[in-house]
Structure formats: structure tokens, C-alpha cells
């Protein structure tokens, strides 16, 4: 018998929260991983590559992971994503990433 989609979504939200933490209570490692995923998945940048539809499609696929899974299950706000970008930039500038 198939599971209720709402039940499945609730289980997945809990699992994502367990792995990635919740705002205000994330470890530094969770923050760093989320920030890195946001950058890799083009959370704040365009996925369009002029003259290369295959590269555009690849980058858009990455972005869909961010939008369709991570943002959805963690309910991240724009401010959360901005903070992650700042944190990652700071770590990169310090040579810690």
C-alpha cells in the first residue's frame, strides 16, 4: 500500500532537518555544507551559458536540486541563503575552505 504523500513529506522534512540542521541551531559544518551546496547549485546565480544549451541544462539541473529539494524541505528563506553565501565567502577569504 502506498504511503500518504503528506506523511512521506513530513518524514523527509525531518530527515533533511536532521542532516542539515535548522536555522539558528546549525553547526558550523552544516552551515559550510549548505553554503557550498548553494554555490554549486547556483542558488544565487544564473544557469544560462550563452551558446551552450547542454551546459545550461546541466547547471539548471543542479539548481533544481537546490530549489526542488533543499529549499523545499528546509524551508530556507532568502536571508538564510544570503547568510550562507557570506559565510562561504568569508571562509574562502580566510583560506579555510
PDB file of N, CA and C in Angstrom:
ATOM      1  N   UNK A   1       0.843  -1.190   0.000  1.00  0.00           N
ATOM      2  CA  UNK A   1       0.000   0.000   0.000  1.00  0.00           C
ATOM      3  C   UNK A   1       0.885   1.250   0.000  1.00  0.00           C
ATOM      4  N   UNK A   2       0.662   2.176  -0.940  1.00  0.00           N
ATOM      5  CA  UNK A   2       1.500   3.379  -0.999  1.00  0.00           C
ATOM      6  C   UNK A   2       1.295   4.267   0.221  1.00  0.00           C
ATOM      7  N   UNK A   3       2.367   4.953   0.584  1.00  0.00           N
ATOM      8  CA  UNK A   3       2.298   5.864   1.727  1.00  0.00           C
ATOM      9  C   UNK A   3       1.583   7.141   1.339  1.00  0.00           C
ATOM     10  N   UNK A   4       1.022   7.771   2.340  1.00  0.00           N
ATOM     11  CA  UNK A   4       0.384   9.074   2.190  1.00  0.00           C
ATOM     12  C   UNK A   4       1.474  10.097   1.841  1.00  0.00           C
ATOM     13  N   UNK A   5       1.308  10.874   0.759  1.00  0.00           N
ATOM     14  CA  UNK A   5       2.335  11.854   0.377  1.00  0.00           C
ATOM     15  C   UNK A   5       2.660  12.851   1.480  1.00  0.00           C
ATOM     16  N   UNK A   6       1.676  13.244   2.270  1.00  0.00           N
ATOM     17  CA  UNK A   6       1.939  14.177   3.369  1.00  0.00           C
ATOM     18  C   UNK A   6       2.814  13.524   4.432  1.00  0.00           C
ATOM     19  N   UNK A   7       2.582  12.253   4.693  1.00  0.00           N
ATOM     20  CA  UNK A   7       3.400  11.514   5.656  1.00  0.00           C
ATOM     21  C   UNK A   7       4.835  11.420   5.152  1.00  0.00           C
ATOM     22  N   UNK A   8       4.989  11.096   3.874  1.00  0.00           N
ATOM     23  CA  UNK A   8       6.318  10.989   3.272  1.00  0.00           C
ATOM     24  C   UNK A   8       7.041  12.332   3.323  1.00  0.00           C
ATOM     25  N   UNK A   9       6.339  13.413   2.979  1.00  0.00           N
ATOM     26  CA  UNK A   9       6.944  14.747   3.017  1.00  0.00           C
ATOM     27  C   UNK A   9       7.382  15.102   4.438  1.00  0.00           C
ATOM     28  N   UNK A  10       6.575  14.742   5.416  1.00  0.00           N
ATOM     29  CA  UNK A  10       6.917  15.028   6.816  1.00  0.00           C
ATOM     30  C   UNK A  10       8.176  14.247   7.219  1.00  0.00           C
ATOM     31  N   UNK A  11       8.252  12.992   6.815  1.00  0.00           N
ATOM     32  CA  UNK A  11       9.449  12.191   7.106  1.00  0.00           C
ATOM     33  C   UNK A  11      10.688  12.808   6.452  1.00  0.00           C
ATOM     34  N   UNK A  12      10.546  13.221   5.204  1.00  0.00           N
ATOM     35  CA  UNK A  12      11.678  13.808   4.504  1.00  0.00           C
ATOM     36  C   UNK A  12      12.101  15.142   5.116  1.00  0.00           C
ATOM     37  N   UNK A  13      11.145  15.969   5.500  1.00  0.00           N
ATOM     38  CA  UNK A  13      11.492  17.236   6.159  1.00  0.00           C
ATOM     39  C   UNK A  13      12.292  16.965   7.430  1.00  0.00           C
ATOM     40  N   UNK A  14      11.856  15.988   8.190  1.00  0.00           N
ATOM     41  CA  UNK A  14      12.579  15.637   9.415  1.00  0.00           C
ATOM     42  C   UNK A  14      13.979  15.136   9.126  1.00  0.00           C
ATOM     43  N   UNK A  15      14.118  14.323   8.086  1.00  0.00           N
ATOM     44  CA  UNK A  15      15.432  13.802   7.720  1.00  0.00           C
ATOM     45  C   UNK A  15      16.353  14.919   7.241  1.00  0.00           C
ATOM     46  N   UNK A  16      15.841  15.817   6.411  1.00  0.00           N
ATOM     47  CA  UNK A  16      16.649  16.948   5.952  1.00  0.00           C
ATOM     48  C   UNK A  16      17.065  17.819   7.137  1.00  0.00           C
ATOM     49  N   UNK A  17      16.153  18.061   8.055  1.00  0.00           N
ATOM     50  CA  UNK A  17      16.477  18.874   9.235  1.00  0.00           C
ATOM     51  C   UNK A  17      17.533  18.187  10.093  1.00  0.00           C
ATOM     52  N   UNK A  18      17.466  16.878  10.183  1.00  0.00           N
ATOM     53  CA  UNK A  18      18.457  16.134  10.964  1.00  0.00           C
ATOM     54  C   UNK A  18      19.839  16.238  10.328  1.00  0.00           C
ATOM     55  N   UNK A  19      19.896  16.130   9.014  1.00  0.00           N
ATOM     56  CA  UNK A  19      21.178  16.180   8.313  1.00  0.00           C
ATOM     57  C   UNK A  19      21.714  17.602   8.221  1.00  0.00           C
ATOM     58  N   UNK A  20      20.859  18.561   7.836  1.00  0.00           N
ATOM     59  CA  UNK A  20      21.309  19.921   7.570  1.00  0.00           C
ATOM     60  C   UNK A  20      21.054  20.902   8.712  1.00  0.00           C
ATOM     61  N   UNK A  21      20.386  20.479   9.771  1.00  0.00           N
ATOM     62  CA  UNK A  21      20.103  21.364  10.883  1.00  0.00           C
ATOM     63  C   UNK A  21      18.957  22.315  10.596  1.00  0.00           C
ATOM     64  N   UNK A  22      18.656  23.136  11.587  1.00  0.00           N
ATOM     65  CA  UNK A  22      17.588  24.125  11.463  1.00  0.00           C
ATOM     66  C   UNK A  22      18.173  25.508  11.728  1.00  0.00           C
ATOM     67  N   UNK A  23      17.579  26.549  11.122  1.00  0.00           N
ATOM     68  CA  UNK A  23      18.115  27.899  11.306  1.00  0.00           C
ATOM     69  C   UNK A  23      18.300  28.247  12.780  1.00  0.00           C
ATOM     70  N   UNK A  24      19.438  28.833  13.066  1.00  0.00           N
ATOM     71  CA  UNK A  24      19.741  29.245  14.433  1.00  0.00           C
ATOM     72  C   UNK A  24      20.354  28.153  15.288  1.00  0.00           C
ATOM     73  N   UNK A  25      20.331  26.909  14.794  1.00  0.00           N
ATOM     74  CA  UNK A  25      20.889  25.804  15.578  1.00  0.00           C
ATOM     75  C   UNK A  25      21.778  24.891  14.735  1.00  0.00           C
ATOM     76  N   UNK A  26      22.280  25.405  13.620  1.00  0.00           N
ATOM     77  CA  UNK A  26      23.154  24.605  12.769  1.00  0.00           C
ATOM     78  C   UNK A  26      24.577  24.639  13.301  1.00  0.00           C
ATOM     79  N   UNK A  27      25.261  23.531  13.101  1.00  0.00           N
ATOM     80  CA  UNK A  27      26.689  23.500  13.413  1.00  0.00           C
ATOM     81  C   UNK A  27      27.433  24.249  12.316  1.00  0.00           C
ATOM     82  N   UNK A  28      28.678  24.576  12.586  1.00  0.00           N
ATOM     83  CA  UNK A  28      29.495  25.241  11.567  1.00  0.00           C
ATOM     84  C   UNK A  28      29.650  24.335  10.347  1.00  0.00           C
ATOM     85  N   UNK A  29      29.764  23.037  10.560  1.00  0.00           N
ATOM     86  CA  UNK A  29      29.885  22.103   9.436  1.00  0.00           C
ATOM     87  C   UNK A  29      28.616  22.086   8.596  1.00  0.00           C
ATOM     88  N   UNK A  30      27.465  22.097   9.233  1.00  0.00           N
ATOM     89  CA  UNK A  30      26.203  22.143   8.489  1.00  0.00           C
ATOM     90  C   UNK A  30      26.095  23.426   7.685  1.00  0.00           C
ATOM     91  N   UNK A  31      26.482  24.547   8.287  1.00  0.00           N
ATOM     92  CA  UNK A  31      26.456  25.833   7.583  1.00  0.00           C
ATOM     93  C   UNK A  31      27.380  25.799   6.377  1.00  0.00           C
ATOM     94  N   UNK A  32      28.570  25.248   6.553  1.00  0.00           N
ATOM     95  CA  UNK A  32      29.546  25.202   5.479  1.00  0.00           C
ATOM     96  C   UNK A  32      29.053  24.321   4.331  1.00  0.00           C
ATOM     97  N   UNK A  33      28.499  23.170   4.641  1.00  0.00           N
ATOM     98  CA  UNK A  33      27.998  22.269   3.597  1.00  0.00           C
ATOM     99  C   UNK A  33      26.834  22.913   2.852  1.00  0.00           C
ATOM    100  N   UNK A  34      25.905  23.519   3.569  1.00  0.00           N
ATOM    101  CA  UNK A  34      24.783  24.190   2.907  1.00  0.00           C
ATOM    102  C   UNK A  34      25.261  25.338   2.023  1.00  0.00           C
ATOM    103  N   UNK A  35      26.212  26.110   2.523  1.00  0.00           N
ATOM    104  CA  UNK A  35      26.746  27.218   1.733  1.00  0.00           C
ATOM    105  C   UNK A  35      27.428  26.701   0.471  1.00  0.00           C
ATOM    106  N   UNK A  36      28.166  25.616   0.598  1.00  0.00           N
ATOM    107  CA  UNK A  36      28.835  25.032  -0.556  1.00  0.00           C
ATOM    108  C   UNK A  36      27.829  24.490  -1.559  1.00  0.00           C
ATOM    109  N   UNK A  37      26.781  23.828  -1.092  1.00  0.00           N
ATOM    110  CA  UNK A  37      25.731  23.335  -1.983  1.00  0.00           C
ATOM    111  C   UNK A  37      25.022  24.487  -2.683  1.00  0.00           C
ATOM    112  N   UNK A  38      24.772  25.564  -1.954  1.00  0.00           N
ATOM    113  CA  UNK A  38      24.121  26.732  -2.564  1.00  0.00           C
ATOM    114  C   UNK A  38      24.969  27.278  -3.701  1.00  0.00           C
ATOM    115  N   UNK A  39      26.264  27.349  -3.490  1.00  0.00           N
ATOM    116  CA  UNK A  39      27.161  27.849  -4.536  1.00  0.00           C
ATOM    117  C   UNK A  39      27.189  26.875  -5.717  1.00  0.00           C
ATOM    118  N   UNK A  40      27.378  25.598  -5.448  1.00  0.00           N
ATOM    119  CA  UNK A  40      27.477  24.581  -6.503  1.00  0.00           C
ATOM    120  C   UNK A  40      26.189  24.487  -7.315  1.00  0.00           C
ATOM    121  N   UNK A  41      25.058  24.660  -6.647  1.00  0.00           N
ATOM    122  CA  UNK A  41      23.753  24.537  -7.311  1.00  0.00           C
ATOM    123  C   UNK A  41      23.252  25.850  -7.907  1.00  0.00           C
ATOM    124  N   UNK A  42      24.094  26.873  -7.887  1.00  0.00           N
ATOM    125  CA  UNK A  42      23.737  28.171  -8.471  1.00  0.00           C
ATOM    126  C   UNK A  42      22.470  28.751  -7.840  1.00  0.00           C
ATOM    127  N   UNK A  43      22.426  28.727  -6.525  1.00  0.00           N
ATOM    128  CA  UNK A  43      21.267  29.254  -5.804  1.00  0.00           C
ATOM    129  C   UNK A  43      21.089  30.744  -6.026  1.00  0.00           C
ATOM    130  N   UNK A  44      22.181  31.458  -6.253  1.00  0.00           N
ATOM    131  CA  UNK A  44      22.102  32.910  -6.379  1.00  0.00           C
ATOM    132  C   UNK A  44      22.659  33.434  -7.687  1.00  0.00           C
ATOM    133  N   UNK A  45      22.924  32.550  -8.635  1.00  0.00           N
ATOM    134  CA  UNK A  45      23.483  32.989  -9.915  1.00  0.00           C
ATOM    135  C   UNK A  45      22.700  32.372 -11.070  1.00  0.00           C
ATOM    136  N   UNK A  46      22.911  32.931 -12.241  1.00  0.00           N
ATOM    137  CA  UNK A  46      22.229  32.422 -13.425  1.00  0.00           C
ATOM    138  C   UNK A  46      22.784  31.064 -13.833  1.00  0.00           C
ATOM    139  N   UNK A  47      21.952  30.288 -14.484  1.00  0.00           N
ATOM    140  CA  UNK A  47      22.395  28.995 -15.004  1.00  0.00           C
ATOM    141  C   UNK A  47      22.559  29.044 -16.519  1.00  0.00           C
ATOM    142  N   UNK A  48      22.310  30.195 -17.114  1.00  0.00           N
ATOM    143  CA  UNK A  48      22.391  30.336 -18.568  1.00  0.00           C
ATOM    144  C   UNK A  48      23.841  30.431 -19.021  1.00  0.00           C
ATOM    145  N   UNK A  49      24.196  29.615 -20.006  1.00  0.00           N
ATOM    146  CA  UNK A  49      25.511  29.672 -20.634  1.00  0.00           C
ATOM    147  C   UNK A  49      25.275  29.978 -22.108  1.00  0.00           C
ATOM    148  N   UNK A  50      25.622  31.188 -22.533  1.00  0.00           N
ATOM    149  CA  UNK A  50      25.374  31.620 -23.912  1.00  0.00           C
ATOM    150  C   UNK A  50      26.010  30.660 -24.906  1.00  0.00           C
ATOM    151  N   UNK A  51      25.199  30.205 -25.856  1.00  0.00           N
ATOM    152  CA  UNK A  51      25.694  29.346 -26.913  1.00  0.00           C
ATOM    153  C   UNK A  51      25.911  27.897 -26.533  1.00  0.00           C
ATOM    154  N   UNK A  52      25.558  27.505 -25.311  1.00  0.00           N
ATOM    155  CA  UNK A  52      25.782  26.119 -24.892  1.00  0.00           C
ATOM    156  C   UNK A  52      24.570  25.600 -24.119  1.00  0.00           C
ATOM    157  N   UNK A  53      23.627  25.053 -24.864  1.00  0.00           N
ATOM    158  CA  UNK A  53      22.390  24.577 -24.238  1.00  0.00           C
ATOM    159  C   UNK A  53      22.640  23.395 -23.309  1.00  0.00           C
ATOM    160  N   UNK A  54      23.659  22.587 -23.585  1.00  0.00           N
ATOM    161  CA  UNK A  54      23.956  21.438 -22.719  1.00  0.00           C
ATOM    162  C   UNK A  54      24.489  21.900 -21.362  1.00  0.00           C
ATOM    163  N   UNK A  55      25.390  22.867 -21.370  1.00  0.00           N
ATOM    164  CA  UNK A  55      25.909  23.410 -20.113  1.00  0.00           C
ATOM    165  C   UNK A  55      24.795  24.088 -19.332  1.00  0.00           C
ATOM    166  N   UNK A  56      23.930  24.822 -20.025  1.00  0.00           N
ATOM    167  CA  UNK A  56      22.795  25.466 -19.368  1.00  0.00           C
ATOM    168  C   UNK A  56      21.896  24.424 -18.712  1.00  0.00           C
ATOM    169  N   UNK A  57      21.611  23.338 -19.437  1.00  0.00           N
ATOM    170  CA  UNK A  57      20.757  22.277 -18.888  1.00  0.00           C
ATOM    171  C   UNK A  57      21.410  21.614 -17.678  1.00  0.00           C
ATOM    172  N   UNK A  58      22.712  21.406 -17.738  1.00  0.00           N
ATOM    173  CA  UNK A  58      23.421  20.806 -16.606  1.00  0.00           C
ATOM    174  C   UNK A  58      23.333  21.696 -15.373  1.00  0.00           C
ATOM    175  N   UNK A  59      23.610  22.982 -15.555  1.00  0.00           N
ATOM    176  CA  UNK A  59      23.549  23.913 -14.425  1.00  0.00           C
ATOM    177  C   UNK A  59      22.127  24.058 -13.897  1.00  0.00           C
ATOM    178  N   UNK A  60      21.149  24.023 -14.776  1.00  0.00           N
ATOM    179  CA  UNK A  60      19.756  24.117 -14.336  1.00  0.00           C
ATOM    180  C   UNK A  60      19.367  22.877 -13.540  1.00  0.00           C
ATOM    181  N   UNK A  61      19.910  21.737 -13.913  1.00  0.00           N
ATOM    182  CA  UNK A  61      19.675  20.520 -13.128  1.00  0.00           C
ATOM    183  C   UNK A  61      20.211  20.659 -11.715  1.00  0.00           C
ATOM    184  N   UNK A  62      21.398  21.232 -11.580  1.00  0.00           N
ATOM    185  CA  UNK A  62      21.952  21.492 -10.246  1.00  0.00           C
ATOM    186  C   UNK A  62      21.021  22.420  -9.466  1.00  0.00           C
ATOM    187  N   UNK A  63      20.580  23.474 -10.137  1.00  0.00           N
ATOM    188  CA  UNK A  63      19.712  24.452  -9.476  1.00  0.00           C
ATOM    189  C   UNK A  63      18.413  23.813  -9.000  1.00  0.00           C
ATOM    190  N   UNK A  64      17.892  22.874  -9.767  1.00  0.00           N
ATOM    191  CA  UNK A  64      16.654  22.193  -9.372  1.00  0.00           C
ATOM    192  C   UNK A  64      16.837  21.370  -8.108  1.00  0.00           C
ATOM    193  N   UNK A  65      18.025  20.834  -7.901  1.00  0.00           N
ATOM    194  CA  UNK A  65      18.306  20.126  -6.639  1.00  0.00           C
ATOM    195  C   UNK A  65      18.156  21.099  -5.482  1.00  0.00           C
ATOM    196  N   UNK A  66      18.702  22.298  -5.655  1.00  0.00           N
ATOM    197  CA  UNK A  66      18.620  23.310  -4.589  1.00  0.00           C
ATOM    198  C   UNK A  66      17.175  23.735  -4.355  1.00  0.00           C
ATOM    199  N   UNK A  67      16.514  24.150  -5.436  1.00  0.00           N
ATOM    200  CA  UNK A  67      15.155  24.688  -5.314  1.00  0.00           C
ATOM    201  C   UNK A  67      14.148  23.599  -4.964  1.00  0.00           C
ATOM    202  N   UNK A  68      14.232  22.482  -5.671  1.00  0.00           N
ATOM    203  CA  UNK A  68      13.219  21.444  -5.525  1.00  0.00           C
ATOM    204  C   UNK A  68      13.366  20.563  -4.310  1.00  0.00           C
ATOM    205  N   UNK A  69      14.549  20.481  -3.767  1.00  0.00           N
ATOM    206  CA  UNK A  69      14.748  19.616  -2.602  1.00  0.00           C
ATOM    207  C   UNK A  69      15.184  20.387  -1.362  1.00  0.00           C
ATOM    208  N   UNK A  70      16.335  21.024  -1.455  1.00  0.00           N
ATOM    209  CA  UNK A  70      16.909  21.647  -0.259  1.00  0.00           C
ATOM    210  C   UNK A  70      16.051  22.805   0.243  1.00  0.00           C
ATOM    211  N   UNK A  71      15.726  23.761  -0.630  1.00  0.00           N
ATOM    212  CA  UNK A  71      14.886  24.880  -0.179  1.00  0.00           C
ATOM    213  C   UNK A  71      13.527  24.396   0.303  1.00  0.00           C
ATOM    214  N   UNK A  72      12.955  23.460  -0.450  1.00  0.00           N
ATOM    215  CA  UNK A  72      11.616  22.977  -0.107  1.00  0.00           C
ATOM    216  C   UNK A  72      11.606  22.282   1.251  1.00  0.00           C
ATOM    217  N   UNK A  73      12.496  21.339   1.444  1.00  0.00           N
ATOM    218  CA  UNK A  73      12.456  20.560   2.683  1.00  0.00           C
ATOM    219  C   UNK A  73      12.993  21.296   3.890  1.00  0.00           C
ATOM    220  N   UNK A  74      13.894  22.249   3.677  1.00  0.00           N
ATOM    221  CA  UNK A  74      14.414  23.009   4.814  1.00  0.00           C
ATOM    222  C   UNK A  74      13.692  24.335   5.016  1.00  0.00           C
ATOM    223  N   UNK A  75      12.847  24.705   4.068  1.00  0.00           N
ATOM    224  CA  UNK A  75      12.108  25.971   4.140  1.00  0.00           C
ATOM    225  C   UNK A  75      13.051  27.148   4.399  1.00  0.00           C
ATOM    226  N   UNK A  76      14.130  27.215   3.637  1.00  0.00           N
ATOM    227  CA  UNK A  76      15.097  28.287   3.801  1.00  0.00           C
ATOM    228  C   UNK A  76      14.556  29.581   3.210  1.00  0.00           C
ATOM    229  N   UNK A  77      14.831  30.666   3.882  1.00  0.00           N
ATOM    230  CA  UNK A  77      14.427  31.981   3.379  1.00  0.00           C
ATOM    231  C   UNK A  77      15.552  32.569   2.539  1.00  0.00           C
ATOM    232  N   UNK A  78      15.243  33.646   1.830  1.00  0.00           N
ATOM    233  CA  UNK A  78      16.271  34.353   1.066  1.00  0.00           C
ATOM    234  C   UNK A  78      17.384  34.840   1.990  1.00  0.00           C
ATOM    235  N   UNK A  79      17.016  35.266   3.178  1.00  0.00           N
ATOM    236  CA  UNK A  79      18.003  35.752   4.142  1.00  0.00           C
ATOM    237  C   UNK A  79      18.941  34.626   4.567  1.00  0.00           C
ATOM    238  N   UNK A  80      18.401  33.419   4.735  1.00  0.00           N
ATOM    239  CA  UNK A  80      19.238  32.272   5.088  1.00  0.00           C
ATOM    240  C   UNK A  80      20.285  32.020   4.002  1.00  0.00           C
ATOM    241  N   UNK A  81      19.831  32.056   2.745  1.00  0.00           N
ATOM    242  CA  UNK A  81      20.728  31.796   1.617  1.00  0.00           C
ATOM    243  C   UNK A  81      21.788  32.893   1.519  1.00  0.00           C
ATOM    244  N   UNK A  82      21.386  34.153   1.722  1.00  0.00           N
ATOM    245  CA  UNK A  82      22.335  35.268   1.714  1.00  0.00           C
ATOM    246  C   UNK A  82      23.394  35.078   2.793  1.00  0.00           C
ATOM    247  N   UNK A  83      22.953  34.693   3.976  1.00  0.00           N
ATOM    248  CA  UNK A  83      23.890  34.464   5.078  1.00  0.00           C
ATOM    249  C   UNK A  83      24.874  33.343   4.768  1.00  0.00           C
ATOM    250  N   UNK A  84      24.395  32.293   4.121  1.00  0.00           N
ATOM    251  CA  UNK A  84      25.272  31.187   3.742  1.00  0.00           C
ATOM    252  C   UNK A  84      26.320  31.649   2.737  1.00  0.00           C
ATOM    253  N   UNK A  85      25.907  32.471   1.791  1.00  0.00           N
ATOM    254  CA  UNK A  85      26.841  32.981   0.785  1.00  0.00           C
ATOM    255  C   UNK A  85      27.923  33.828   1.454  1.00  0.00           C
ATOM    256  N   UNK A  86      27.530  34.663   2.399  1.00  0.00           N
ATOM    257  CA  UNK A  86      28.506  35.481   3.120  1.00  0.00           C
ATOM    258  C   UNK A  86      29.462  34.600   3.921  1.00  0.00           C
ATOM    259  N   UNK A  87      28.919  33.589   4.579  1.00  0.00           N
ATOM    260  CA  UNK A  87      29.742  32.684   5.382  1.00  0.00           C
ATOM    261  C   UNK A  87      30.755  31.959   4.508  1.00  0.00           C
ATOM    262  N   UNK A  88      30.318  31.451   3.351  1.00  0.00           N
ATOM    263  CA  UNK A  88      31.219  30.742   2.455  1.00  0.00           C
ATOM    264  C   UNK A  88      32.298  31.682   1.927  1.00  0.00           C
ATOM    265  N   UNK A  89      31.925  32.890   1.541  1.00  0.00           N
ATOM    266  CA  UNK A  89      32.903  33.862   1.046  1.00  0.00           C
ATOM    267  C   UNK A  89      33.936  34.176   2.119  1.00  0.00           C
ATOM    268  N   UNK A  90      33.489  34.315   3.352  1.00  0.00           N
ATOM    269  CA  UNK A  90      34.397  34.596   4.463  1.00  0.00           C
ATOM    270  C   UNK A  90      35.375  33.434   4.649  1.00  0.00           C
ATOM    271  N   UNK A  91      34.847  32.211   4.634  1.00  0.00           N
ATOM    272  CA  UNK A  91      35.717  31.038   4.786  1.00  0.00           C
ATOM    273  C   UNK A  91      36.726  30.936   3.643  1.00  0.00           C
ATOM    274  N   UNK A  92      36.281  31.220   2.423  1.00  0.00           N
ATOM    275  CA  UNK A  92      37.183  31.160   1.275  1.00  0.00           C
ATOM    276  C   UNK A  92      38.273  32.227   1.393  1.00  0.00           C
ATOM    277  N   UNK A  93      37.894  33.418   1.857  1.00  0.00           N
ATOM    278  CA  UNK A  93      38.866  34.501   2.025  1.00  0.00           C
ATOM    279  C   UNK A  93      39.880  34.189   3.106  1.00  0.00           C
ATOM    280  N   UNK A  94      39.459  33.449   4.116  1.00  0.00           N
ATOM    281  CA  UNK A  94      40.358  33.079   5.205  1.00  0.00           C
ATOM    282  C   UNK A  94      41.209  31.857   4.861  1.00  0.00           C
ATOM    283  N   UNK A  95      40.930  31.285   3.695  1.00  0.00           N
ATOM    284  CA  UNK A  95      41.683  30.097   3.291  1.00  0.00           C
ATOM    285  C   UNK A  95      41.239  28.834   4.004  1.00  0.00           C
ATOM    286  N   UNK A  96      40.051  28.903   4.622  1.00  0.00           N
ATOM    287  CA  UNK A  96      39.564  27.760   5.397  1.00  0.00           C
ATOM    288  C   UNK A  96      38.654  26.843   4.633  1.00  0.00           C
ATOM    289  N   UNK A  97      38.616  26.991   3.328  1.00  0.00           N
ATOM    290  CA  UNK A  97      37.749  26.118   2.548  1.00  0.00           C
ATOM    291  C   UNK A  97      38.402  25.751   1.246  1.00  0.00           C
TER     292      UNK A  97
END
